Amino acid sequence: MPGNFKIFAERRLACLKFSGAAQIEDCFETVSELISSPEWCSDYAVFIDNSGVTSYQGDFENLQRFCGQLMDTDAFESANMEIVYYAPSDLAFGIARMTQQVLTSRFPFRIHVYRDVAPALAKLGQQETALAELYSATA
Protein backbone atom coordinates (compact mmCIF):
# COMPACT_ATOMS: atom_id res chain seq x y z
CA MET A 1 0.00 0.00 0.00
CA PRO A 2 1.91 2.98 -1.14
CA GLY A 3 1.49 5.76 1.37
CA ASN A 4 2.66 9.32 1.67
CA PHE A 5 2.23 12.20 4.04
CA LYS A 6 2.15 15.96 4.19
CA ILE A 7 2.61 18.03 7.32
CA PHE A 8 0.88 21.38 7.78
CA ALA A 9 2.88 22.67 10.75
CA GLU A 10 0.95 25.96 10.85
CA ARG A 11 -2.28 23.97 11.25
CA ARG A 12 -0.74 21.38 13.58
CA LEU A 13 -1.97 18.73 11.15
CA ALA A 14 -0.38 15.69 9.50
CA CYS A 15 -2.13 14.12 6.50
CA LEU A 16 -1.46 10.53 5.49
CA LYS A 17 -2.78 9.12 2.23
CA PHE A 18 -2.88 5.43 1.38
CA SER A 19 -3.85 3.78 -1.89
CA GLY A 20 -3.79 0.43 -3.61
CA ALA A 21 -3.28 -2.84 -1.76
CA ALA A 22 -3.27 -2.23 2.01
CA GLN A 23 -0.56 -4.00 4.01
CA ILE A 24 0.29 -3.26 7.63
CA GLU A 25 4.04 -3.24 6.92
CA ASP A 26 3.65 -0.45 4.37
CA CYS A 27 1.50 1.53 6.78
CA PHE A 28 4.12 1.28 9.52
CA GLU A 29 6.82 2.36 7.06
CA THR A 30 4.84 5.48 6.15
CA VAL A 31 4.11 6.28 9.80
CA SER A 32 7.80 5.78 10.65
CA GLU A 33 8.76 8.29 7.94
CA LEU A 34 6.17 10.71 9.31
CA ILE A 35 7.42 10.60 12.89
CA SER A 36 11.03 10.90 11.69
CA SER A 37 10.24 14.18 9.97
CA PRO A 38 11.66 17.25 11.74
CA GLU A 39 8.24 18.88 11.30
CA TRP A 40 6.41 16.13 13.25
CA CYS A 41 4.94 16.89 16.67
CA SER A 42 3.05 14.33 18.74
CA ASP A 43 0.37 16.90 19.55
CA TYR A 44 -0.59 17.28 15.88
CA ALA A 45 -3.92 16.05 14.63
CA VAL A 46 -3.70 13.27 12.04
CA PHE A 47 -5.95 12.95 8.99
CA ILE A 48 -5.77 9.54 7.31
CA ASP A 49 -7.16 9.29 3.80
CA ASN A 50 -8.01 5.68 2.97
CA SER A 51 -10.13 6.57 -0.04
CA GLY A 52 -7.68 5.01 -2.49
CA VAL A 53 -7.33 1.63 -0.76
CA THR A 54 -8.44 -1.13 -3.13
CA SER A 55 -7.63 -4.32 -1.20
CA TYR A 56 -6.43 -5.46 2.21
CA GLN A 57 -4.13 -8.29 3.26
CA GLY A 58 -3.91 -8.75 6.99
CA ASP A 59 -5.67 -9.94 10.08
CA PHE A 60 -6.15 -9.13 13.73
CA GLU A 61 -2.71 -10.51 14.59
CA ASN A 62 -1.04 -8.22 12.03
CA LEU A 63 -2.88 -5.26 13.51
CA GLN A 64 -1.82 -6.22 17.04
CA ARG A 65 1.81 -6.37 15.88
CA PHE A 66 1.42 -2.94 14.24
CA CYS A 67 0.04 -1.60 17.53
CA GLY A 68 3.09 -2.92 19.37
CA GLN A 69 5.40 -1.29 16.82
CA LEU A 70 3.62 2.03 17.32
CA MET A 71 3.91 1.69 21.09
CA ASP A 72 7.67 1.17 20.74
CA THR A 73 8.03 4.56 19.00
CA ASP A 74 6.58 6.60 21.91
CA ALA A 75 5.36 9.04 19.23
CA PHE A 76 1.65 8.58 19.91
CA GLU A 77 1.32 9.06 23.65
CA SER A 78 -0.43 12.44 23.62
CA ALA A 79 -3.98 12.43 24.96
CA ASN A 80 -4.49 15.64 22.96
CA MET A 81 -4.02 13.90 19.62
CA GLU A 82 -7.04 13.44 17.37
CA ILE A 83 -6.87 10.93 14.53
CA VAL A 84 -9.51 11.07 11.83
CA TYR A 85 -9.95 8.46 9.12
CA TYR A 86 -11.67 9.30 5.86
CA ALA A 87 -12.89 5.91 4.68
CA PRO A 88 -15.66 6.14 2.09
CA SER A 89 -15.76 2.53 0.85
CA ASP A 90 -16.90 -0.48 2.86
CA LEU A 91 -13.36 -1.88 2.71
CA ALA A 92 -11.68 1.34 3.87
CA PHE A 93 -14.30 1.81 6.58
CA GLY A 94 -13.80 -1.74 7.85
CA ILE A 95 -10.02 -1.29 8.00
CA ALA A 96 -10.40 2.01 9.85
CA ARG A 97 -12.91 0.64 12.37
CA MET A 98 -10.77 -2.42 13.04
CA THR A 99 -7.77 -0.16 13.61
CA GLN A 100 -9.86 2.07 15.86
CA GLN A 101 -10.89 -0.89 18.01
CA VAL A 102 -7.33 -2.15 18.48
CA LEU A 103 -5.54 1.18 18.98
CA THR A 104 -7.99 3.00 21.25
CA SER A 105 -7.65 0.31 23.88
CA ARG A 106 -3.88 0.93 24.10
CA PHE A 107 -3.32 4.60 23.34
CA PRO A 108 -4.64 7.80 24.91
CA PHE A 109 -5.54 9.49 21.59
CA ARG A 110 -9.00 9.52 20.04
CA ILE A 111 -9.81 8.00 16.64
CA HIS A 112 -12.83 9.00 14.57
CA VAL A 113 -13.95 7.33 11.34
CA TYR A 114 -15.98 9.09 8.65
CA ARG A 115 -17.33 8.04 5.28
CA ASP A 116 -17.72 11.66 4.12
CA VAL A 117 -14.74 13.96 3.77
CA ALA A 118 -16.32 17.29 4.79
CA PRO A 119 -17.27 16.23 8.34
CA ALA A 120 -13.94 14.42 8.69
CA LEU A 121 -12.04 17.61 7.91
CA ALA A 122 -14.39 19.70 10.04
CA LYS A 123 -13.71 17.42 13.02
CA LEU A 124 -10.09 18.58 12.80
CA GLY A 125 -11.07 22.24 12.44
CA GLN A 126 -10.19 22.44 8.75
CA GLN A 127 -12.10 24.78 6.48
CA GLU A 128 -11.74 22.68 3.34
CA THR A 129 -14.61 20.42 2.31
CA ALA A 130 -12.84 18.44 -0.43
CA LEU A 131 -9.58 16.50 -0.60
CA ALA A 132 -8.30 18.47 -3.60
CA GLU A 133 -8.65 21.69 -1.58
CA LEU A 134 -6.76 20.20 1.35
CA TYR A 135 -3.93 18.68 -0.69
CA SER A 136 -3.41 21.87 -2.68
CA ALA A 137 -3.24 24.04 0.46
CA THR A 138 0.16 25.45 1.29
CA ALA A 139 -0.52 26.33 4.92
C-alpha atoms as a PDB file:
ATOM      1  CA  MET A   1       0.000   0.000   0.000  1.00  0.00           C
ATOM      2  CA  PRO A   2       1.910   2.979  -1.138  1.00  0.00           C
ATOM      3  CA  GLY A   3       1.493   5.756   1.369  1.00  0.00           C
ATOM      4  CA  ASN A   4       2.665   9.320   1.669  1.00  0.00           C
ATOM      5  CA  PHE A   5       2.228  12.199   4.045  1.00  0.00           C
ATOM      6  CA  LYS A   6       2.154  15.961   4.189  1.00  0.00           C
ATOM      7  CA  ILE A   7       2.607  18.030   7.317  1.00  0.00           C
ATOM      8  CA  PHE A   8       0.878  21.379   7.781  1.00  0.00           C
ATOM      9  CA  ALA A   9       2.880  22.669  10.748  1.00  0.00           C
ATOM     10  CA  GLU A  10       0.947  25.956  10.854  1.00  0.00           C
ATOM     11  CA  ARG A  11      -2.278  23.970  11.248  1.00  0.00           C
ATOM     12  CA  ARG A  12      -0.744  21.383  13.579  1.00  0.00           C
ATOM     13  CA  LEU A  13      -1.967  18.729  11.149  1.00  0.00           C
ATOM     14  CA  ALA A  14      -0.384  15.693   9.500  1.00  0.00           C
ATOM     15  CA  CYS A  15      -2.134  14.116   6.499  1.00  0.00           C
ATOM     16  CA  LEU A  16      -1.463  10.531   5.487  1.00  0.00           C
ATOM     17  CA  LYS A  17      -2.780   9.116   2.228  1.00  0.00           C
ATOM     18  CA  PHE A  18      -2.884   5.426   1.376  1.00  0.00           C
ATOM     19  CA  SER A  19      -3.852   3.778  -1.895  1.00  0.00           C
ATOM     20  CA  GLY A  20      -3.793   0.425  -3.614  1.00  0.00           C
ATOM     21  CA  ALA A  21      -3.284  -2.842  -1.758  1.00  0.00           C
ATOM     22  CA  ALA A  22      -3.267  -2.234   2.008  1.00  0.00           C
ATOM     23  CA  GLN A  23      -0.563  -3.996   4.009  1.00  0.00           C
ATOM     24  CA  ILE A  24       0.292  -3.264   7.633  1.00  0.00           C
ATOM     25  CA  GLU A  25       4.044  -3.237   6.923  1.00  0.00           C
ATOM     26  CA  ASP A  26       3.653  -0.449   4.367  1.00  0.00           C
ATOM     27  CA  CYS A  27       1.504   1.534   6.777  1.00  0.00           C
ATOM     28  CA  PHE A  28       4.118   1.277   9.518  1.00  0.00           C
ATOM     29  CA  GLU A  29       6.823   2.356   7.063  1.00  0.00           C
ATOM     30  CA  THR A  30       4.844   5.485   6.150  1.00  0.00           C
ATOM     31  CA  VAL A  31       4.108   6.279   9.803  1.00  0.00           C
ATOM     32  CA  SER A  32       7.804   5.784  10.646  1.00  0.00           C
ATOM     33  CA  GLU A  33       8.756   8.286   7.939  1.00  0.00           C
ATOM     34  CA  LEU A  34       6.172  10.713   9.312  1.00  0.00           C
ATOM     35  CA  ILE A  35       7.418  10.605  12.895  1.00  0.00           C
ATOM     36  CA  SER A  36      11.027  10.897  11.692  1.00  0.00           C
ATOM     37  CA  SER A  37      10.238  14.181   9.966  1.00  0.00           C
ATOM     38  CA  PRO A  38      11.665  17.250  11.737  1.00  0.00           C
ATOM     39  CA  GLU A  39       8.243  18.877  11.297  1.00  0.00           C
ATOM     40  CA  TRP A  40       6.408  16.134  13.247  1.00  0.00           C
ATOM     41  CA  CYS A  41       4.942  16.895  16.667  1.00  0.00           C
ATOM     42  CA  SER A  42       3.053  14.331  18.741  1.00  0.00           C
ATOM     43  CA  ASP A  43       0.369  16.899  19.550  1.00  0.00           C
ATOM     44  CA  TYR A  44      -0.588  17.279  15.878  1.00  0.00           C
ATOM     45  CA  ALA A  45      -3.921  16.047  14.629  1.00  0.00           C
ATOM     46  CA  VAL A  46      -3.702  13.273  12.044  1.00  0.00           C
ATOM     47  CA  PHE A  47      -5.952  12.950   8.994  1.00  0.00           C
ATOM     48  CA  ILE A  48      -5.769   9.542   7.314  1.00  0.00           C
ATOM     49  CA  ASP A  49      -7.158   9.293   3.796  1.00  0.00           C
ATOM     50  CA  ASN A  50      -8.009   5.677   2.975  1.00  0.00           C
ATOM     51  CA  SER A  51     -10.135   6.571  -0.044  1.00  0.00           C
ATOM     52  CA  GLY A  52      -7.676   5.008  -2.485  1.00  0.00           C
ATOM     53  CA  VAL A  53      -7.334   1.633  -0.757  1.00  0.00           C
ATOM     54  CA  THR A  54      -8.440  -1.133  -3.126  1.00  0.00           C
ATOM     55  CA  SER A  55      -7.629  -4.319  -1.195  1.00  0.00           C
ATOM     56  CA  TYR A  56      -6.427  -5.462   2.214  1.00  0.00           C
ATOM     57  CA  GLN A  57      -4.133  -8.285   3.265  1.00  0.00           C
ATOM     58  CA  GLY A  58      -3.914  -8.746   6.995  1.00  0.00           C
ATOM     59  CA  ASP A  59      -5.669  -9.945  10.079  1.00  0.00           C
ATOM     60  CA  PHE A  60      -6.147  -9.135  13.728  1.00  0.00           C
ATOM     61  CA  GLU A  61      -2.706 -10.512  14.588  1.00  0.00           C
ATOM     62  CA  ASN A  62      -1.041  -8.218  12.030  1.00  0.00           C
ATOM     63  CA  LEU A  63      -2.882  -5.259  13.509  1.00  0.00           C
ATOM     64  CA  GLN A  64      -1.824  -6.225  17.038  1.00  0.00           C
ATOM     65  CA  ARG A  65       1.811  -6.366  15.879  1.00  0.00           C
ATOM     66  CA  PHE A  66       1.415  -2.939  14.242  1.00  0.00           C
ATOM     67  CA  CYS A  67       0.039  -1.603  17.526  1.00  0.00           C
ATOM     68  CA  GLY A  68       3.095  -2.921  19.366  1.00  0.00           C
ATOM     69  CA  GLN A  69       5.402  -1.290  16.819  1.00  0.00           C
ATOM     70  CA  LEU A  70       3.623   2.033  17.319  1.00  0.00           C
ATOM     71  CA  MET A  71       3.907   1.690  21.089  1.00  0.00           C
ATOM     72  CA  ASP A  72       7.674   1.173  20.741  1.00  0.00           C
ATOM     73  CA  THR A  73       8.035   4.555  18.996  1.00  0.00           C
ATOM     74  CA  ASP A  74       6.582   6.603  21.910  1.00  0.00           C
ATOM     75  CA  ALA A  75       5.355   9.036  19.228  1.00  0.00           C
ATOM     76  CA  PHE A  76       1.647   8.583  19.912  1.00  0.00           C
ATOM     77  CA  GLU A  77       1.317   9.059  23.649  1.00  0.00           C
ATOM     78  CA  SER A  78      -0.427  12.441  23.621  1.00  0.00           C
ATOM     79  CA  ALA A  79      -3.976  12.431  24.956  1.00  0.00           C
ATOM     80  CA  ASN A  80      -4.495  15.642  22.962  1.00  0.00           C
ATOM     81  CA  MET A  81      -4.021  13.899  19.618  1.00  0.00           C
ATOM     82  CA  GLU A  82      -7.041  13.436  17.373  1.00  0.00           C
ATOM     83  CA  ILE A  83      -6.868  10.932  14.530  1.00  0.00           C
ATOM     84  CA  VAL A  84      -9.514  11.070  11.832  1.00  0.00           C
ATOM     85  CA  TYR A  85      -9.951   8.463   9.120  1.00  0.00           C
ATOM     86  CA  TYR A  86     -11.666   9.295   5.859  1.00  0.00           C
ATOM     87  CA  ALA A  87     -12.891   5.908   4.681  1.00  0.00           C
ATOM     88  CA  PRO A  88     -15.660   6.141   2.088  1.00  0.00           C
ATOM     89  CA  SER A  89     -15.756   2.528   0.849  1.00  0.00           C
ATOM     90  CA  ASP A  90     -16.898  -0.477   2.863  1.00  0.00           C
ATOM     91  CA  LEU A  91     -13.360  -1.884   2.706  1.00  0.00           C
ATOM     92  CA  ALA A  92     -11.679   1.336   3.871  1.00  0.00           C
ATOM     93  CA  PHE A  93     -14.299   1.814   6.579  1.00  0.00           C
ATOM     94  CA  GLY A  94     -13.802  -1.735   7.846  1.00  0.00           C
ATOM     95  CA  ILE A  95     -10.023  -1.289   8.005  1.00  0.00           C
ATOM     96  CA  ALA A  96     -10.399   2.013   9.853  1.00  0.00           C
ATOM     97  CA  ARG A  97     -12.906   0.641  12.368  1.00  0.00           C
ATOM     98  CA  MET A  98     -10.768  -2.424  13.041  1.00  0.00           C
ATOM     99  CA  THR A  99      -7.773  -0.163  13.608  1.00  0.00           C
ATOM    100  CA  GLN A 100      -9.864   2.074  15.855  1.00  0.00           C
ATOM    101  CA  GLN A 101     -10.892  -0.894  18.012  1.00  0.00           C
ATOM    102  CA  VAL A 102      -7.327  -2.151  18.477  1.00  0.00           C
ATOM    103  CA  LEU A 103      -5.543   1.176  18.983  1.00  0.00           C
ATOM    104  CA  THR A 104      -7.993   2.998  21.248  1.00  0.00           C
ATOM    105  CA  SER A 105      -7.648   0.306  23.879  1.00  0.00           C
ATOM    106  CA  ARG A 106      -3.883   0.929  24.102  1.00  0.00           C
ATOM    107  CA  PHE A 107      -3.321   4.599  23.336  1.00  0.00           C
ATOM    108  CA  PRO A 108      -4.636   7.803  24.910  1.00  0.00           C
ATOM    109  CA  PHE A 109      -5.544   9.487  21.594  1.00  0.00           C
ATOM    110  CA  ARG A 110      -9.002   9.522  20.039  1.00  0.00           C
ATOM    111  CA  ILE A 111      -9.815   7.997  16.644  1.00  0.00           C
ATOM    112  CA  HIS A 112     -12.832   8.997  14.566  1.00  0.00           C
ATOM    113  CA  VAL A 113     -13.952   7.329  11.343  1.00  0.00           C
ATOM    114  CA  TYR A 114     -15.982   9.092   8.645  1.00  0.00           C
ATOM    115  CA  ARG A 115     -17.332   8.038   5.276  1.00  0.00           C
ATOM    116  CA  ASP A 116     -17.720  11.661   4.121  1.00  0.00           C
ATOM    117  CA  VAL A 117     -14.741  13.959   3.768  1.00  0.00           C
ATOM    118  CA  ALA A 118     -16.321  17.287   4.787  1.00  0.00           C
ATOM    119  CA  PRO A 119     -17.273  16.230   8.343  1.00  0.00           C
ATOM    120  CA  ALA A 120     -13.935  14.418   8.692  1.00  0.00           C
ATOM    121  CA  LEU A 121     -12.038  17.610   7.909  1.00  0.00           C
ATOM    122  CA  ALA A 122     -14.391  19.701  10.037  1.00  0.00           C
ATOM    123  CA  LYS A 123     -13.714  17.421  13.023  1.00  0.00           C
ATOM    124  CA  LEU A 124     -10.093  18.576  12.802  1.00  0.00           C
ATOM    125  CA  GLY A 125     -11.067  22.237  12.435  1.00  0.00           C
ATOM    126  CA  GLN A 126     -10.194  22.439   8.754  1.00  0.00           C
ATOM    127  CA  GLN A 127     -12.104  24.784   6.476  1.00  0.00           C
ATOM    128  CA  GLU A 128     -11.737  22.678   3.339  1.00  0.00           C
ATOM    129  CA  THR A 129     -14.608  20.420   2.313  1.00  0.00           C
ATOM    130  CA  ALA A 130     -12.840  18.436  -0.431  1.00  0.00           C
ATOM    131  CA  LEU A 131      -9.578  16.504  -0.601  1.00  0.00           C
ATOM    132  CA  ALA A 132      -8.304  18.474  -3.595  1.00  0.00           C
ATOM    133  CA  GLU A 133      -8.646  21.694  -1.581  1.00  0.00           C
ATOM    134  CA  LEU A 134      -6.760  20.203   1.350  1.00  0.00           C
ATOM    135  CA  TYR A 135      -3.934  18.681  -0.687  1.00  0.00           C
ATOM    136  CA  SER A 136      -3.405  21.865  -2.680  1.00  0.00           C
ATOM    137  CA  ALA A 137      -3.242  24.041   0.457  1.00  0.00           C
ATOM    138  CA  THR A 138       0.162  25.445   1.292  1.00  0.00           C
ATOM    139  CA  ALA A 139      -0.523  26.327   4.923  1.00  0.00           C
END
